[in-house]
Amino acid sequence: MKDEQACIQFIRKYANDHYNEGWDLVVEAYDDGDLLEELSEHNFALKKTIQSLQETIDLRKQLMEEHQAEAKQSY
């Protein structure tokens, strides 16, 4: 359990350090259970977990940009 909490805290620190780079999603929307699930999916490999979360952040950014482009076209 202690190792799980250390991994969660590492991800939280990383997310806070990169808050303005899209990681606000993790800071604001992921609770410890969500992070534990992400970590479990990657066998508690921090690098793989961060890469996976970055892919989610990148997808969110892409979808937001597409939505904004569509909104501009409709005006």
PDB file of N, CA and C in Angstrom:
ATOM      1  N   MET A   1       0.823  -1.203   0.000  1.00  0.00           N
ATOM      2  CA  MET A   1       0.000   0.000   0.000  1.00  0.00           C
ATOM      3  C   MET A   1       0.860   1.256   0.000  1.00  0.00           C
ATOM      4  N   LYS A   2       1.954   1.226   0.748  1.00  0.00           N
ATOM      5  CA  LYS A   2       2.835   2.384   0.809  1.00  0.00           C
ATOM      6  C   LYS A   2       3.426   2.680  -0.569  1.00  0.00           C
ATOM      7  N   ASP A   3       3.815   1.637  -1.294  1.00  0.00           N
ATOM      8  CA  ASP A   3       4.367   1.827  -2.628  1.00  0.00           C
ATOM      9  C   ASP A   3       3.320   2.405  -3.571  1.00  0.00           C
ATOM     10  N   GLU A   4       2.071   1.959  -3.439  1.00  0.00           N
ATOM     11  CA  GLU A   4       0.991   2.492  -4.268  1.00  0.00           C
ATOM     12  C   GLU A   4       0.830   3.985  -4.021  1.00  0.00           C
ATOM     13  N   GLN A   5       0.838   4.377  -2.759  1.00  0.00           N
ATOM     14  CA  GLN A   5       0.689   5.789  -2.414  1.00  0.00           C
ATOM     15  C   GLN A   5       1.873   6.603  -2.924  1.00  0.00           C
ATOM     16  N   ALA A   6       3.057   6.039  -2.876  1.00  0.00           N
ATOM     17  CA  ALA A   6       4.241   6.741  -3.386  1.00  0.00           C
ATOM     18  C   ALA A   6       4.117   6.955  -4.892  1.00  0.00           C
ATOM     19  N   CYS A   7       3.610   5.960  -5.598  1.00  0.00           N
ATOM     20  CA  CYS A   7       3.412   6.088  -7.048  1.00  0.00           C
ATOM     21  C   CYS A   7       2.344   7.137  -7.361  1.00  0.00           C
ATOM     22  N   ILE A   8       1.265   7.119  -6.605  1.00  0.00           N
ATOM     23  CA  ILE A   8       0.201   8.102  -6.802  1.00  0.00           C
ATOM     24  C   ILE A   8       0.741   9.505  -6.551  1.00  0.00           C
ATOM     25  N   GLN A   9       1.508   9.671  -5.491  1.00  0.00           N
ATOM     26  CA  GLN A   9       2.065  10.982  -5.171  1.00  0.00           C
ATOM     27  C   GLN A   9       3.050  11.440  -6.243  1.00  0.00           C
ATOM     28  N   PHE A  10       3.803  10.505  -6.814  1.00  0.00           N
ATOM     29  CA  PHE A  10       4.729  10.849  -7.899  1.00  0.00           C
ATOM     30  C   PHE A  10       3.950  11.381  -9.103  1.00  0.00           C
ATOM     31  N   ILE A  11       2.874  10.685  -9.474  1.00  0.00           N
ATOM     32  CA  ILE A  11       2.051  11.114 -10.605  1.00  0.00           C
ATOM     33  C   ILE A  11       1.415  12.469 -10.299  1.00  0.00           C
ATOM     34  N   ARG A  12       0.923  12.649  -9.087  1.00  0.00           N
ATOM     35  CA  ARG A  12       0.315  13.933  -8.697  1.00  0.00           C
ATOM     36  C   ARG A  12       1.329  15.077  -8.791  1.00  0.00           C
ATOM     37  N   LYS A  13       2.551  14.839  -8.328  1.00  0.00           N
ATOM     38  CA  LYS A  13       3.584  15.873  -8.412  1.00  0.00           C
ATOM     39  C   LYS A  13       3.900  16.187  -9.869  1.00  0.00           C
ATOM     40  N   TYR A  14       4.027  15.151 -10.684  1.00  0.00           N
ATOM     41  CA  TYR A  14       4.293  15.348 -12.106  1.00  0.00           C
ATOM     42  C   TYR A  14       3.173  16.174 -12.741  1.00  0.00           C
ATOM     43  N   ALA A  15       1.943  15.821 -12.409  1.00  0.00           N
ATOM     44  CA  ALA A  15       0.790  16.532 -12.968  1.00  0.00           C
ATOM     45  C   ALA A  15       0.786  17.990 -12.534  1.00  0.00           C
ATOM     46  N   ASN A  16       1.061  18.251 -11.277  1.00  0.00           N
ATOM     47  CA  ASN A  16       1.118  19.633 -10.797  1.00  0.00           C
ATOM     48  C   ASN A  16       2.247  20.408 -11.457  1.00  0.00           C
ATOM     49  N   ASP A  17       3.386  19.764 -11.632  1.00  0.00           N
ATOM     50  CA  ASP A  17       4.528  20.418 -12.274  1.00  0.00           C
ATOM     51  C   ASP A  17       4.249  20.750 -13.740  1.00  0.00           C
ATOM     52  N   HIS A  18       3.341  20.002 -14.366  1.00  0.00           N
ATOM     53  CA  HIS A  18       3.020  20.187 -15.790  1.00  0.00           C
ATOM     54  C   HIS A  18       1.571  20.652 -15.984  1.00  0.00           C
ATOM     55  N   TYR A  19       1.037  21.288 -14.962  1.00  0.00           N
ATOM     56  CA  TYR A  19      -0.368  21.704 -14.940  1.00  0.00           C
ATOM     57  C   TYR A  19      -0.763  22.487 -16.193  1.00  0.00           C
ATOM     58  N   ASN A  20       0.045  23.453 -16.595  1.00  0.00           N
ATOM     59  CA  ASN A  20      -0.284  24.324 -17.721  1.00  0.00           C
ATOM     60  C   ASN A  20       0.030  23.701 -19.080  1.00  0.00           C
ATOM     61  N   GLU A  21       0.449  22.458 -19.058  1.00  0.00           N
ATOM     62  CA  GLU A  21       0.762  21.742 -20.297  1.00  0.00           C
ATOM     63  C   GLU A  21      -0.285  20.663 -20.577  1.00  0.00           C
ATOM     64  N   GLY A  22      -1.464  20.848 -20.008  1.00  0.00           N
ATOM     65  CA  GLY A  22      -2.551  19.896 -20.223  1.00  0.00           C
ATOM     66  C   GLY A  22      -2.793  18.956 -19.072  1.00  0.00           C
ATOM     67  N   TRP A  23      -1.855  18.915 -18.132  1.00  0.00           N
ATOM     68  CA  TRP A  23      -1.980  18.001 -16.999  1.00  0.00           C
ATOM     69  C   TRP A  23      -2.976  18.488 -15.958  1.00  0.00           C
ATOM     70  N   ASP A  24      -3.582  19.663 -16.195  1.00  0.00           N
ATOM     71  CA  ASP A  24      -4.673  20.113 -15.336  1.00  0.00           C
ATOM     72  C   ASP A  24      -5.789  19.076 -15.320  1.00  0.00           C
ATOM     73  N   LEU A  25      -5.929  18.347 -16.422  1.00  0.00           N
ATOM     74  CA  LEU A  25      -6.929  17.275 -16.490  1.00  0.00           C
ATOM     75  C   LEU A  25      -6.720  16.272 -15.361  1.00  0.00           C
ATOM     76  N   VAL A  26      -5.500  15.856 -15.173  1.00  0.00           N
ATOM     77  CA  VAL A  26      -5.195  14.867 -14.130  1.00  0.00           C
ATOM     78  C   VAL A  26      -5.378  15.492 -12.749  1.00  0.00           C
ATOM     79  N   VAL A  27      -4.883  16.722 -12.580  1.00  0.00           N
ATOM     80  CA  VAL A  27      -4.987  17.390 -11.279  1.00  0.00           C
ATOM     81  C   VAL A  27      -6.443  17.568 -10.876  1.00  0.00           C
ATOM     82  N   GLU A  28      -7.265  18.010 -11.816  1.00  0.00           N
ATOM     83  CA  GLU A  28      -8.643  18.391 -11.498  1.00  0.00           C
ATOM     84  C   GLU A  28      -9.642  17.232 -11.573  1.00  0.00           C
ATOM     85  N   ALA A  29      -9.358  16.221 -12.390  1.00  0.00           N
ATOM     86  CA  ALA A  29     -10.387  15.212 -12.659  1.00  0.00           C
ATOM     87  C   ALA A  29     -10.056  13.799 -12.179  1.00  0.00           C
ATOM     88  N   TYR A  30      -8.814  13.509 -11.891  1.00  0.00           N
ATOM     89  CA  TYR A  30      -8.433  12.152 -11.482  1.00  0.00           C
ATOM     90  C   TYR A  30      -8.313  12.087  -9.963  1.00  0.00           C
ATOM     91  N   ASP A  31      -9.030  11.154  -9.356  1.00  0.00           N
ATOM     92  CA  ASP A  31      -8.837  10.933  -7.922  1.00  0.00           C
ATOM     93  C   ASP A  31      -7.816   9.810  -7.747  1.00  0.00           C
ATOM     94  N   ASP A  32      -7.493   9.507  -6.508  1.00  0.00           N
ATOM     95  CA  ASP A  32      -6.478   8.479  -6.251  1.00  0.00           C
ATOM     96  C   ASP A  32      -6.867   7.128  -6.844  1.00  0.00           C
ATOM     97  N   GLY A  33      -8.154   6.799  -6.811  1.00  0.00           N
ATOM     98  CA  GLY A  33      -8.615   5.539  -7.387  1.00  0.00           C
ATOM     99  C   GLY A  33      -8.379   5.484  -8.886  1.00  0.00           C
ATOM    100  N   ASP A  34      -8.604   6.606  -9.572  1.00  0.00           N
ATOM    101  CA  ASP A  34      -8.344   6.666 -11.015  1.00  0.00           C
ATOM    102  C   ASP A  34      -6.863   6.461 -11.304  1.00  0.00           C
ATOM    103  N   LEU A  35      -6.029   7.126 -10.518  1.00  0.00           N
ATOM    104  CA  LEU A  35      -4.587   6.986 -10.726  1.00  0.00           C
ATOM    105  C   LEU A  35      -4.116   5.581 -10.399  1.00  0.00           C
ATOM    106  N   LEU A  36      -4.678   4.980  -9.369  1.00  0.00           N
ATOM    107  CA  LEU A  36      -4.333   3.605  -9.017  1.00  0.00           C
ATOM    108  C   LEU A  36      -4.707   2.655 -10.149  1.00  0.00           C
ATOM    109  N   GLU A  37      -5.851   2.894 -10.763  1.00  0.00           N
ATOM    110  CA  GLU A  37      -6.270   2.075 -11.901  1.00  0.00           C
ATOM    111  C   GLU A  37      -5.301   2.232 -13.069  1.00  0.00           C
ATOM    112  N   GLU A  38      -4.919   3.471 -13.364  1.00  0.00           N
ATOM    113  CA  GLU A  38      -3.946   3.712 -14.437  1.00  0.00           C
ATOM    114  C   GLU A  38      -2.624   3.006 -14.136  1.00  0.00           C
ATOM    115  N   LEU A  39      -2.159   3.159 -12.917  1.00  0.00           N
ATOM    116  CA  LEU A  39      -0.906   2.516 -12.525  1.00  0.00           C
ATOM    117  C   LEU A  39      -1.003   0.999 -12.633  1.00  0.00           C
ATOM    118  N   SER A  40      -2.117   0.432 -12.196  1.00  0.00           N
ATOM    119  CA  SER A  40      -2.316  -1.022 -12.249  1.00  0.00           C
ATOM    120  C   SER A  40      -2.286  -1.528 -13.683  1.00  0.00           C
ATOM    121  N   GLU A  41      -2.884  -0.759 -14.594  1.00  0.00           N
ATOM    122  CA  GLU A  41      -2.910  -1.161 -16.006  1.00  0.00           C
ATOM    123  C   GLU A  41      -1.508  -1.246 -16.594  1.00  0.00           C
ATOM    124  N   HIS A  42      -0.567  -0.540 -15.986  1.00  0.00           N
ATOM    125  CA  HIS A  42       0.800  -0.513 -16.499  1.00  0.00           C
ATOM    126  C   HIS A  42       1.787  -1.126 -15.505  1.00  0.00           C
ATOM    127  N   ASN A  43       1.266  -2.021 -14.664  1.00  0.00           N
ATOM    128  CA  ASN A  43       2.100  -2.758 -13.698  1.00  0.00           C
ATOM    129  C   ASN A  43       2.959  -1.827 -12.844  1.00  0.00           C
ATOM    130  N   PHE A  44       2.409  -0.669 -12.515  1.00  0.00           N
ATOM    131  CA  PHE A  44       3.056   0.320 -11.663  1.00  0.00           C
ATOM    132  C   PHE A  44       4.362   0.856 -12.253  1.00  0.00           C
ATOM    133  N   ALA A  45       4.488   0.774 -13.565  1.00  0.00           N
ATOM    134  CA  ALA A  45       5.625   1.382 -14.255  1.00  0.00           C
ATOM    135  C   ALA A  45       5.288   2.860 -14.450  1.00  0.00           C
ATOM    136  N   LEU A  46       5.990   3.717 -13.742  1.00  0.00           N
ATOM    137  CA  LEU A  46       5.661   5.141 -13.765  1.00  0.00           C
ATOM    138  C   LEU A  46       5.802   5.742 -15.154  1.00  0.00           C
ATOM    139  N   LYS A  47       6.869   5.402 -15.850  1.00  0.00           N
ATOM    140  CA  LYS A  47       7.092   5.971 -17.182  1.00  0.00           C
ATOM    141  C   LYS A  47       5.945   5.592 -18.129  1.00  0.00           C
ATOM    142  N   LYS A  48       5.529   4.338 -18.117  1.00  0.00           N
ATOM    143  CA  LYS A  48       4.441   3.891 -18.980  1.00  0.00           C
ATOM    144  C   LYS A  48       3.121   4.547 -18.588  1.00  0.00           C
ATOM    145  N   THR A  49       2.906   4.719 -17.295  1.00  0.00           N
ATOM    146  CA  THR A  49       1.677   5.361 -16.828  1.00  0.00           C
ATOM    147  C   THR A  49       1.639   6.818 -17.263  1.00  0.00           C
ATOM    148  N   ILE A  50       2.745   7.513 -17.124  1.00  0.00           N
ATOM    149  CA  ILE A  50       2.812   8.912 -17.555  1.00  0.00           C
ATOM    150  C   ILE A  50       2.617   9.009 -19.063  1.00  0.00           C
ATOM    151  N   GLN A  51       3.213   8.107 -19.827  1.00  0.00           N
ATOM    152  CA  GLN A  51       3.026   8.105 -21.282  1.00  0.00           C
ATOM    153  C   GLN A  51       1.565   7.887 -21.644  1.00  0.00           C
ATOM    154  N   SER A  52       0.904   6.986 -20.955  1.00  0.00           N
ATOM    155  CA  SER A  52      -0.505   6.712 -21.219  1.00  0.00           C
ATOM    156  C   SER A  52      -1.370   7.933 -20.897  1.00  0.00           C
ATOM    157  N   LEU A  53      -1.106   8.556 -19.765  1.00  0.00           N
ATOM    158  CA  LEU A  53      -1.852   9.760 -19.405  1.00  0.00           C
ATOM    159  C   LEU A  53      -1.579  10.881 -20.406  1.00  0.00           C
ATOM    160  N   GLN A  54      -0.340  10.975 -20.881  1.00  0.00           N
ATOM    161  CA  GLN A  54      -0.007  11.995 -21.884  1.00  0.00           C
ATOM    162  C   GLN A  54      -0.791  11.758 -23.172  1.00  0.00           C
ATOM    163  N   GLU A  55      -0.977  10.510 -23.548  1.00  0.00           N
ATOM    164  CA  GLU A  55      -1.778  10.200 -24.738  1.00  0.00           C
ATOM    165  C   GLU A  55      -3.216  10.677 -24.549  1.00  0.00           C
ATOM    166  N   THR A  56      -3.760  10.493 -23.359  1.00  0.00           N
ATOM    167  CA  THR A  56      -5.111  10.975 -23.061  1.00  0.00           C
ATOM    168  C   THR A  56      -5.161  12.495 -23.130  1.00  0.00           C
ATOM    169  N   ILE A  57      -4.158  13.145 -22.579  1.00  0.00           N
ATOM    170  CA  ILE A  57      -4.079  14.607 -22.603  1.00  0.00           C
ATOM    171  C   ILE A  57      -3.962  15.108 -24.042  1.00  0.00           C
ATOM    172  N   ASP A  58      -3.140  14.445 -24.838  1.00  0.00           N
ATOM    173  CA  ASP A  58      -2.975  14.840 -26.244  1.00  0.00           C
ATOM    174  C   ASP A  58      -4.281  14.677 -27.018  1.00  0.00           C
ATOM    175  N   LEU A  59      -5.001  13.593 -26.759  1.00  0.00           N
ATOM    176  CA  LEU A  59      -6.285  13.368 -27.420  1.00  0.00           C
ATOM    177  C   LEU A  59      -7.277  14.460 -27.027  1.00  0.00           C
ATOM    178  N   ARG A  60      -7.318  14.783 -25.758  1.00  0.00           N
ATOM    179  CA  ARG A  60      -8.198  15.860 -25.284  1.00  0.00           C
ATOM    180  C   ARG A  60      -7.870  17.170 -25.993  1.00  0.00           C
ATOM    181  N   LYS A  61      -6.585  17.485 -26.093  1.00  0.00           N
ATOM    182  CA  LYS A  61      -6.161  18.722 -26.760  1.00  0.00           C
ATOM    183  C   LYS A  61      -6.599  18.720 -28.217  1.00  0.00           C
ATOM    184  N   GLN A  62      -6.408  17.605 -28.899  1.00  0.00           N
ATOM    185  CA  GLN A  62      -6.799  17.482 -30.308  1.00  0.00           C
ATOM    186  C   GLN A  62      -8.306  17.677 -30.467  1.00  0.00           C
ATOM    187  N   LEU A  63      -9.079  17.042 -29.616  1.00  0.00           N
ATOM    188  CA  LEU A  63     -10.535  17.173 -29.696  1.00  0.00           C
ATOM    189  C   LEU A  63     -10.982  18.605 -29.424  1.00  0.00           C
ATOM    190  N   MET A  64     -10.345  19.261 -28.482  1.00  0.00           N
ATOM    191  CA  MET A  64     -10.687  20.650 -28.180  1.00  0.00           C
ATOM    192  C   MET A  64     -10.356  21.560 -29.369  1.00  0.00           C
ATOM    193  N   GLU A  65      -9.208  21.316 -29.999  1.00  0.00           N
ATOM    194  CA  GLU A  65      -8.821  22.120 -31.162  1.00  0.00           C
ATOM    195  C   GLU A  65      -9.789  21.905 -32.319  1.00  0.00           C
ATOM    196  N   GLU A  66     -10.207  20.663 -32.547  1.00  0.00           N
ATOM    197  CA  GLU A  66     -11.171  20.379 -33.610  1.00  0.00           C
ATOM    198  C   GLU A  66     -12.509  21.045 -33.316  1.00  0.00           C
ATOM    199  N   HIS A  67     -12.931  20.996 -32.076  1.00  0.00           N
ATOM    200  CA  HIS A  67     -14.193  21.622 -31.683  1.00  0.00           C
ATOM    201  C   HIS A  67     -14.124  23.137 -31.886  1.00  0.00           C
ATOM    202  N   GLN A  68     -13.015  23.740 -31.513  1.00  0.00           N
ATOM    203  CA  GLN A  68     -12.854  25.178 -31.690  1.00  0.00           C
ATOM    204  C   GLN A  68     -12.849  25.550 -33.165  1.00  0.00           C
ATOM    205  N   ALA A  69     -12.214  24.744 -34.008  1.00  0.00           N
ATOM    206  CA  ALA A  69     -12.188  25.009 -35.447  1.00  0.00           C
ATOM    207  C   ALA A  69     -13.591  24.907 -36.033  1.00  0.00           C
ATOM    208  N   GLU A  70     -14.347  23.909 -35.603  1.00  0.00           N
ATOM    209  CA  GLU A  70     -15.728  23.766 -36.072  1.00  0.00           C
ATOM    210  C   GLU A  70     -16.579  24.932 -35.626  1.00  0.00           C
ATOM    211  N   ALA A  71     -16.374  25.392 -34.406  1.00  0.00           N
ATOM    212  CA  ALA A  71     -17.148  26.524 -33.885  1.00  0.00           C
ATOM    213  C   ALA A  71     -16.850  27.784 -34.682  1.00  0.00           C
ATOM    214  N   LYS A  72     -15.602  27.990 -35.050  1.00  0.00           N
ATOM    215  CA  LYS A  72     -15.232  29.177 -35.850  1.00  0.00           C
ATOM    216  C   LYS A  72     -15.875  29.118 -37.233  1.00  0.00           C
ATOM    217  N   GLN A  73     -15.962  27.926 -37.800  1.00  0.00           N
ATOM    218  CA  GLN A  73     -16.543  27.769 -39.140  1.00  0.00           C
ATOM    219  C   GLN A  73     -18.045  28.030 -39.129  1.00  0.00           C
ATOM    220  N   SER A  74     -18.694  27.799 -38.017  1.00  0.00           N
ATOM    221  CA  SER A  74     -20.137  27.946 -37.972  1.00  0.00           C
ATOM    222  C   SER A  74     -20.575  29.404 -37.789  1.00  0.00           C
ATOM    223  N   TYR A  75     -19.628  30.306 -37.554  1.00  0.00           N
ATOM    224  CA  TYR A  75     -19.979  31.722 -37.396  1.00  0.00           C
ATOM    225  C   TYR A  75     -19.926  32.437 -38.698  1.00  0.00           C
TER     226      TYR A  75
END
